[in-house]
Protein backbone atom coordinates (compact mmCIF):
# COMPACT_ATOMS: atom_id res chain seq x y z
CA MET A 1 -0.02 0.01 -0.02
CA GLY A 2 2.99 2.40 0.54
CA VAL A 3 2.34 3.55 4.08
CA LYS A 4 5.11 5.53 5.80
CA PHE A 5 5.34 5.45 9.64
CA ASN A 6 6.09 8.92 11.04
CA ARG A 7 5.58 8.28 14.73
CA TYR A 8 5.14 4.87 16.49
CA GLU A 9 5.47 5.11 20.24
CA GLU A 10 3.66 4.38 23.50
CA GLY A 11 -0.06 4.75 22.59
CA VAL A 12 0.38 6.86 19.50
CA CYS A 13 0.71 6.04 15.81
CA ASP A 14 1.05 8.52 12.99
CA ILE A 15 1.29 7.35 9.30
CA GLU A 16 0.99 8.77 5.86
CA LEU A 17 0.21 7.70 2.36
CA LEU A 18 0.83 9.49 -0.93
CA ILE A 19 -2.31 8.81 -3.10
CA LYS A 20 -1.48 7.02 -6.32
CA PRO A 21 -3.77 5.71 -9.14
CA GLU A 22 -4.10 2.28 -7.51
CA HIS A 23 -5.76 3.89 -4.48
CA LEU A 24 -8.57 5.36 -6.49
CA ASN A 25 -12.10 4.08 -7.05
CA ILE A 26 -13.88 3.97 -10.42
CA ALA A 27 -15.06 7.54 -9.95
CA GLY A 28 -11.47 8.86 -9.44
CA GLY A 29 -11.59 9.55 -5.72
CA VAL A 30 -9.75 7.69 -3.02
CA HIS A 31 -11.43 4.35 -2.36
CA GLY A 32 -13.18 4.06 1.02
CA GLY A 33 -11.28 0.82 1.63
CA ILE A 34 -8.00 2.85 1.54
CA ILE A 35 -9.33 5.26 4.05
CA SER A 36 -10.59 2.34 6.27
CA SER A 37 -7.22 0.56 5.98
CA LEU A 38 -5.17 3.63 6.96
CA LEU A 39 -7.38 4.14 10.00
CA ASP A 40 -7.14 0.39 10.88
CA ILE A 41 -3.31 0.47 10.54
CA SER A 42 -2.88 3.66 12.58
CA LEU A 43 -5.35 2.61 15.38
CA SER A 44 -3.90 -0.91 15.53
CA GLY A 45 -0.40 0.56 15.54
CA ALA A 46 -1.14 2.76 18.56
CA VAL A 47 -2.35 -0.39 20.41
CA THR A 48 0.75 -2.59 19.43
CA SER A 49 3.00 0.23 20.57
CA THR A 50 1.92 -0.49 24.13
CA ILE A 51 2.79 -4.20 23.95
CA PRO A 52 6.39 -4.87 25.01
CA ASP A 53 7.30 -7.18 22.19
CA ARG A 54 5.11 -5.27 19.69
CA LYS A 55 3.66 -8.32 17.99
CA ALA A 56 0.74 -7.22 15.81
CA GLU A 57 -0.80 -10.76 15.91
CA GLN A 58 -1.60 -10.11 19.53
CA VAL A 59 -3.98 -7.30 18.62
CA VAL A 60 -7.43 -7.86 17.10
CA THR A 61 -9.98 -5.22 15.95
CA MET A 62 -13.17 -5.85 17.73
CA GLN A 63 -15.15 -2.95 16.27
CA MET A 64 -14.33 0.19 14.34
CA SER A 65 -16.69 2.97 13.36
CA ILE A 66 -15.68 5.44 10.62
CA ASN A 67 -17.14 8.73 9.57
CA PHE A 68 -16.16 9.73 6.04
CA LEU A 69 -16.28 13.52 5.98
CA ARG A 70 -14.56 14.56 2.85
CA GLY A 71 -13.08 13.04 -0.34
CA ALA A 72 -9.47 12.88 -1.29
CA SER A 73 -7.81 12.82 -4.73
CA LEU A 74 -4.82 11.65 -6.77
CA GLY A 75 -1.60 13.23 -5.42
CA ASP A 76 -2.94 14.03 -2.01
CA THR A 77 -0.91 12.98 1.04
CA LEU A 78 -3.15 11.56 3.75
CA ARG A 79 -1.95 11.46 7.31
CA ALA A 80 -3.67 9.16 9.78
CA LYS A 81 -3.10 9.79 13.49
CA ALA A 82 -4.40 7.65 16.36
CA GLU A 83 -4.21 7.79 20.10
CA ILE A 84 -5.39 5.51 22.83
CA ILE A 85 -8.18 7.03 24.91
CA LYS A 86 -8.52 4.20 27.48
CA ARG A 87 -6.45 0.95 27.90
CA GLY A 88 -7.57 -1.90 30.03
CA SER A 89 -5.67 -5.17 30.46
CA THR A 90 -7.27 -6.68 27.29
CA ILE A 91 -9.67 -4.02 25.82
CA VAL A 92 -8.53 -0.72 24.36
CA TYR A 93 -10.68 2.19 23.22
CA ILE A 94 -8.98 4.34 20.59
CA GLU A 95 -9.71 7.26 18.36
CA GLY A 96 -8.05 8.46 15.19
CA SER A 97 -8.39 10.78 12.21
CA ILE A 98 -7.09 11.37 8.72
CA HIS A 99 -6.17 14.85 7.36
CA ASP A 100 -4.77 15.81 3.95
CA GLN A 101 -1.78 17.88 3.30
CA ASN A 102 -3.82 21.09 3.80
CA ASP A 103 -4.97 19.83 7.21
CA LYS A 104 -8.50 19.22 6.01
CA LEU A 105 -10.27 16.60 7.92
CA ILE A 106 -10.98 13.57 5.70
CA ALA A 107 -12.29 10.98 8.18
CA ARG A 108 -12.62 10.12 11.89
CA ALA A 109 -12.67 6.68 13.51
CA SER A 110 -13.03 5.16 16.88
CA GLY A 111 -13.13 1.58 18.05
CA ASP A 112 -12.29 -1.25 20.40
CA TRP A 113 -9.29 -3.48 20.14
CA PHE A 114 -8.67 -6.76 21.95
CA ILE A 115 -5.22 -7.66 23.22
CA LYS A 116 -4.65 -11.43 23.23
CA LYS A 117 -2.72 -12.65 26.19
């Protein structure tokens, strides 16, 4: 997919993606699946950053809700940032968002992640 990790530390994950033709839907906008994947990667990354050995297979998305607020286009750079709001021993509630290179809000997400022990 071409994701670049900018920040990956305790409870926070910040990634970006330069939009290329393969990220577009048939209408020429960024496919919703790309937006969803960016949010899932960043939210999951924030969770895995709190696990000592940082094994992604120990983290499972239980539920994620996404609000698509604005479209994005070819050549845009989308930046997804996520931060843990509450972490229990096995359940984590997390929120994140995607902004474009002009800091326009593209999408917001929140969800619950399960940490396998």
